[in-house]
Amino acid sequence: MRRFLVAGNWKMNTDRESGTALASALAEKYGSDFNAVDVLVSPPFPYLASVVDVTSNSAVQVGAQNSYFEAPGAFTGEVANQMLKDVGCDSVILGHSERRHVLGETDELINKKVSAALENGLQVILCVGELLSEREAGQTEAVLKTQMDGGLQGVSAESMANIVIAYEPVWAIGTGVTASTEQAESAHEYLRGWLSSAYSAEIADATRILYGGSVKPGNAKELMGQPNVDGALVGGASLTADAFGGIIDAAVELASA
């Protein structure tokens, strides 16, 4: 059985005080003896070290929201994977729709970032998902195929142990609109089938696929209860300990069922 992962993407939110307070509250609730599901938070770059400090003796893992594919050097404004490892990061989110559609990242660039992060020992949460116009045109699976083909090009079967896929329909991110359980499960089922075809049934069965897009405590259990949904990548609801904790608790309940 795949282990649930509940990951919080804080995006460009919090300051040092509020971020460390949030992380501290989560670390207190999910201490070092907590082992029911995996919990991850991804703060903005300036607060990574502070959040690592306050979560170090807990079950809360810390990841980054992005990284660059080059080794440290003359790349003004970028952050290297080696730097993320140095401050204590376990994971990095790559290919998020905001980076694709707001900042213009291509599948080719994302693939370079994925490869570099894996080479540096980071778990990669690779985000994929379609625009509303693409869903309405019946292109969801074609878009997912393009993004998976591009994002994982050259990634070995062995490296897939450090890959998590996050399905995030762009039309459901920060909009308050959530994909129905049927829509979410259908996309996740397609992604698992892609993994089986591109790699093997064993890798497909082992790879976690998260749902992201207006996940809240009230809908988390139903969404994560689908056969191919292995957790959640949470945006707005990860910014309060109560809301994020409610989603984690839903995963715990499902894991113990």
Protein backbone atom coordinates (compact mmCIF):
# COMPACT_ATOMS: atom_id res chain seq x y z
CA MET A 1 0.00 0.00 0.00
CA ARG A 2 1.29 3.44 -0.93
CA ARG A 3 1.97 5.74 2.00
CA PHE A 4 -0.06 8.95 2.09
CA LEU A 5 1.80 12.23 1.67
CA VAL A 6 0.21 15.55 2.64
CA ALA A 7 2.34 18.43 1.37
CA GLY A 8 1.77 22.12 2.00
CA ASN A 9 2.84 24.64 -0.62
CA TRP A 10 2.98 28.03 1.10
CA LYS A 11 3.70 29.82 -2.19
CA MET A 12 4.71 33.49 -1.73
CA ASN A 13 3.06 33.76 1.68
CA THR A 14 4.05 34.11 5.35
CA ASP A 15 6.87 36.09 6.93
CA ARG A 16 9.51 34.73 9.28
CA GLU A 17 7.34 35.13 12.38
CA SER A 18 4.15 33.64 10.97
CA GLY A 19 5.98 30.93 9.06
CA THR A 20 7.93 29.67 12.05
CA ALA A 21 4.79 29.87 14.22
CA LEU A 22 2.90 27.74 11.70
CA ALA A 23 5.75 25.25 11.41
CA SER A 24 6.11 25.08 15.20
CA ALA A 25 2.42 24.32 15.65
CA LEU A 26 2.64 21.50 13.11
CA ALA A 27 5.85 20.15 14.67
CA GLU A 28 4.17 20.09 18.08
CA LYS A 29 1.16 18.17 16.77
CA TYR A 30 3.15 15.82 14.54
CA GLY A 31 6.17 15.05 16.69
CA SER A 32 9.03 12.66 16.13
CA ASP A 33 6.88 9.68 17.16
CA PHE A 34 4.23 10.43 14.49
CA ASN A 35 4.47 7.83 11.73
CA ALA A 36 0.99 7.44 10.27
CA VAL A 37 1.50 9.46 7.05
CA ASP A 38 4.18 11.69 5.55
CA VAL A 39 3.89 15.44 6.18
CA LEU A 40 5.79 18.08 4.21
CA VAL A 41 5.78 21.88 4.16
CA SER A 42 7.33 24.07 1.47
CA PRO A 43 7.97 27.64 2.69
CA PRO A 44 9.36 30.51 0.61
CA PHE A 45 13.15 30.42 0.17
CA PRO A 46 13.99 33.09 2.80
CA TYR A 47 12.34 31.07 5.58
CA LEU A 48 13.55 27.57 4.75
CA ALA A 49 16.34 27.52 7.35
CA SER A 50 14.06 28.90 10.08
CA VAL A 51 11.38 26.31 9.35
CA VAL A 52 13.94 23.49 9.24
CA ASP A 53 15.16 24.59 12.69
CA VAL A 54 11.73 24.43 14.33
CA THR A 55 10.70 21.14 12.68
CA SER A 56 13.98 19.26 13.12
CA ASN A 57 12.74 17.10 16.00
CA SER A 58 9.37 16.29 14.45
CA ALA A 59 7.85 14.24 11.64
CA VAL A 60 7.39 17.37 9.52
CA GLN A 61 9.66 17.36 6.48
CA VAL A 62 10.68 20.54 4.67
CA GLY A 63 10.83 21.10 0.93
CA ALA A 64 11.39 23.98 -1.46
CA GLN A 65 9.04 25.38 -4.09
CA ASN A 66 11.57 25.45 -6.92
CA SER A 67 15.22 24.98 -7.78
CA TYR A 68 17.59 25.58 -10.68
CA PHE A 69 19.30 22.88 -12.71
CA GLU A 70 22.83 24.28 -12.68
CA ALA A 71 25.46 23.77 -10.01
CA PRO A 72 26.23 26.83 -7.83
CA GLY A 73 27.71 29.60 -9.95
CA ALA A 74 26.92 32.79 -11.80
CA PHE A 75 23.11 32.48 -11.97
CA THR A 76 21.77 35.59 -10.29
CA GLY A 77 18.52 35.07 -8.43
CA GLU A 78 18.49 31.28 -8.70
CA VAL A 79 18.83 28.64 -5.98
CA ALA A 80 20.83 25.43 -6.46
CA ASN A 81 19.77 21.99 -5.27
CA GLN A 82 23.01 21.76 -3.29
CA MET A 83 21.90 24.83 -1.32
CA LEU A 84 18.53 23.26 -0.57
CA LYS A 85 20.24 20.13 0.73
CA ASP A 86 22.61 22.27 2.77
CA VAL A 87 19.78 23.96 4.69
CA GLY A 88 18.00 20.66 5.33
CA CYS A 89 15.43 20.30 2.55
CA ASP A 90 14.16 16.83 1.69
CA SER A 91 12.09 17.67 -1.39
CA VAL A 92 11.39 20.21 -4.10
CA ILE A 93 8.20 21.06 -5.99
CA LEU A 94 8.80 21.41 -9.73
CA GLY A 95 6.54 22.22 -12.66
CA HIS A 96 3.81 23.91 -10.62
CA SER A 97 1.18 25.47 -12.88
CA GLU A 98 2.05 28.96 -11.65
CA ARG A 99 5.60 28.43 -12.85
CA ARG A 100 4.37 26.99 -16.13
CA HIS A 101 1.64 29.51 -16.94
CA VAL A 102 2.70 32.65 -15.06
CA LEU A 103 6.48 32.36 -15.36
CA GLY A 104 6.65 30.53 -18.68
CA GLU A 105 8.50 27.36 -17.71
CA THR A 106 8.55 24.71 -20.44
CA ASP A 107 8.56 20.94 -20.13
CA GLU A 108 12.18 21.00 -21.34
CA LEU A 109 13.26 23.35 -18.55
CA ILE A 110 11.25 21.44 -15.95
CA ASN A 111 12.91 18.21 -17.09
CA LYS A 112 16.35 19.72 -16.55
CA LYS A 113 15.30 20.77 -13.05
CA VAL A 114 13.88 17.31 -12.30
CA SER A 115 17.08 15.58 -13.40
CA ALA A 116 19.30 17.93 -11.42
CA ALA A 117 17.21 17.61 -8.26
CA LEU A 118 17.28 13.82 -8.45
CA GLU A 119 21.03 13.83 -8.99
CA ASN A 120 21.36 15.83 -5.77
CA GLY A 121 19.26 13.44 -3.71
CA LEU A 122 16.06 15.43 -3.45
CA GLN A 123 12.58 13.97 -3.70
CA VAL A 124 10.80 15.66 -6.61
CA ILE A 125 7.10 16.51 -6.55
CA LEU A 126 6.36 16.95 -10.25
CA CYS A 127 3.16 18.90 -10.91
CA VAL A 128 1.03 18.29 -13.98
CA GLY A 129 -2.44 19.49 -14.94
CA GLU A 130 -4.63 21.01 -17.59
CA LEU A 131 -6.18 24.43 -18.14
CA LEU A 132 -9.96 24.82 -18.08
CA SER A 133 -9.98 25.38 -21.86
CA GLU A 134 -8.04 22.13 -22.33
CA ARG A 135 -10.46 20.17 -20.14
CA GLU A 136 -13.46 21.63 -21.96
CA ALA A 137 -11.86 20.63 -25.27
CA GLY A 138 -11.41 17.05 -24.07
CA GLN A 139 -7.62 17.39 -24.04
CA THR A 140 -6.91 16.52 -20.39
CA GLU A 141 -5.17 13.22 -21.07
CA ALA A 142 -3.22 14.62 -24.02
CA VAL A 143 -1.93 17.47 -21.86
CA LEU A 144 -0.99 15.09 -19.06
CA LYS A 145 0.83 12.84 -21.52
CA THR A 146 2.84 15.75 -22.91
CA GLN A 147 3.79 16.97 -19.45
CA MET A 148 4.74 13.49 -18.21
CA ASP A 149 6.67 12.65 -21.39
CA GLY A 150 8.55 15.94 -21.14
CA GLY A 151 9.04 16.20 -17.40
CA LEU A 152 10.31 12.65 -16.91
CA GLN A 153 12.34 12.28 -20.09
CA GLY A 154 15.55 10.43 -19.30
CA VAL A 155 14.55 9.70 -15.70
CA SER A 156 15.57 6.13 -14.93
CA ALA A 157 13.39 3.48 -13.36
CA GLU A 158 15.66 3.54 -10.31
CA SER A 159 15.19 7.29 -9.90
CA MET A 160 11.41 6.95 -9.88
CA ALA A 161 11.65 5.97 -6.21
CA ASN A 162 12.25 9.69 -5.57
CA ILE A 163 9.43 10.98 -7.80
CA VAL A 164 5.99 11.99 -6.58
CA ILE A 165 3.42 13.16 -9.14
CA ALA A 166 0.92 15.88 -8.22
CA TYR A 167 -2.14 16.24 -10.42
CA GLU A 168 -3.32 19.84 -10.19
CA PRO A 169 -6.07 20.89 -12.59
CA VAL A 170 -5.19 24.54 -13.19
CA TRP A 171 -8.85 25.55 -13.09
CA ALA A 172 -9.08 24.32 -9.48
CA ILE A 173 -6.00 26.02 -8.04
CA GLY A 174 -6.86 28.91 -5.74
CA THR A 175 -10.32 29.21 -7.28
CA GLY A 176 -12.34 27.45 -4.64
CA VAL A 177 -13.47 25.05 -7.35
CA THR A 178 -12.46 21.46 -6.65
CA ALA A 179 -12.39 18.64 -9.18
CA SER A 180 -15.09 16.10 -8.45
CA THR A 181 -13.92 12.81 -7.01
CA GLU A 182 -14.68 11.25 -10.39
CA GLN A 183 -12.60 13.84 -12.27
CA ALA A 184 -9.70 13.49 -9.85
CA GLU A 185 -9.74 9.69 -9.89
CA SER A 186 -10.00 9.58 -13.68
CA ALA A 187 -6.90 11.77 -14.10
CA HIS A 188 -4.98 9.84 -11.45
CA GLU A 189 -5.93 6.54 -13.09
CA TYR A 190 -4.64 7.86 -16.42
CA LEU A 191 -1.36 8.97 -14.81
CA ARG A 192 -0.88 5.58 -13.20
CA GLY A 193 -1.48 3.95 -16.55
CA TRP A 194 1.12 6.25 -18.12
CA LEU A 195 3.63 5.18 -15.45
CA SER A 196 2.88 1.53 -16.15
CA SER A 197 3.43 1.98 -19.88
CA ALA A 198 6.50 4.19 -19.59
CA TYR A 199 8.14 2.19 -16.79
CA SER A 200 6.44 -0.88 -15.31
CA ALA A 201 3.38 -1.99 -13.40
CA GLU A 202 5.54 -2.22 -10.28
CA ILE A 203 6.72 1.39 -10.55
CA ALA A 204 3.20 2.55 -11.34
CA ASP A 205 1.92 0.77 -8.25
CA ALA A 206 4.66 2.24 -6.04
CA THR A 207 4.57 5.87 -7.24
CA ARG A 208 2.49 8.29 -5.19
CA ILE A 209 0.13 10.60 -7.07
CA LEU A 210 -1.22 13.54 -5.08
CA TYR A 211 -4.26 15.67 -5.84
CA GLY A 212 -3.95 19.44 -5.63
CA GLY A 213 -6.58 22.09 -6.20
CA SER A 214 -8.67 23.72 -3.44
CA VAL A 215 -8.19 20.82 -1.03
CA LYS A 216 -9.77 21.57 2.36
CA PRO A 217 -10.54 19.60 5.53
CA GLY A 218 -14.13 19.22 4.32
CA ASN A 219 -13.30 17.51 1.02
CA ALA A 220 -9.93 15.91 1.80
CA LYS A 221 -11.17 12.52 2.95
CA GLU A 222 -13.42 12.03 -0.07
CA LEU A 223 -10.67 13.04 -2.51
CA MET A 224 -7.90 11.05 -0.85
CA GLY A 225 -10.22 8.08 -0.46
CA GLN A 226 -10.12 7.42 -4.20
CA PRO A 227 -8.12 4.33 -5.20
CA ASN A 228 -5.42 6.22 -7.13
CA VAL A 229 -5.13 9.33 -4.92
CA ASP A 230 -2.23 9.03 -2.48
CA GLY A 231 -2.42 12.34 -0.67
CA ALA A 232 -2.67 16.03 -1.36
CA LEU A 233 -0.60 19.03 -2.41
CA VAL A 234 -2.31 21.81 -0.48
CA GLY A 235 -2.10 25.54 -1.16
CA GLY A 236 -4.24 28.01 0.79
CA ALA A 237 -5.39 25.53 3.41
CA SER A 238 -1.76 24.78 4.34
CA LEU A 239 -1.36 28.30 5.74
CA THR A 240 -3.14 27.56 9.01
CA ALA A 241 -2.27 24.73 11.36
CA ASP A 242 -5.95 23.90 11.95
CA ALA A 243 -6.88 23.58 8.28
CA PHE A 244 -3.70 21.76 7.24
CA GLY A 245 -3.97 19.55 10.31
CA GLY A 246 -7.51 18.66 9.34
CA ILE A 247 -6.29 17.41 5.97
CA ILE A 248 -3.46 15.44 7.58
CA ASP A 249 -5.93 13.94 10.04
CA ALA A 250 -8.15 12.86 7.15
CA ALA A 251 -5.16 11.05 5.60
CA VAL A 252 -4.40 9.41 8.96
CA GLU A 253 -8.00 8.18 9.20
CA LEU A 254 -7.82 6.70 5.70
CA ALA A 255 -4.43 5.12 6.35
CA SER A 256 -5.73 3.37 9.45
CA ALA A 257 -8.93 2.13 7.84
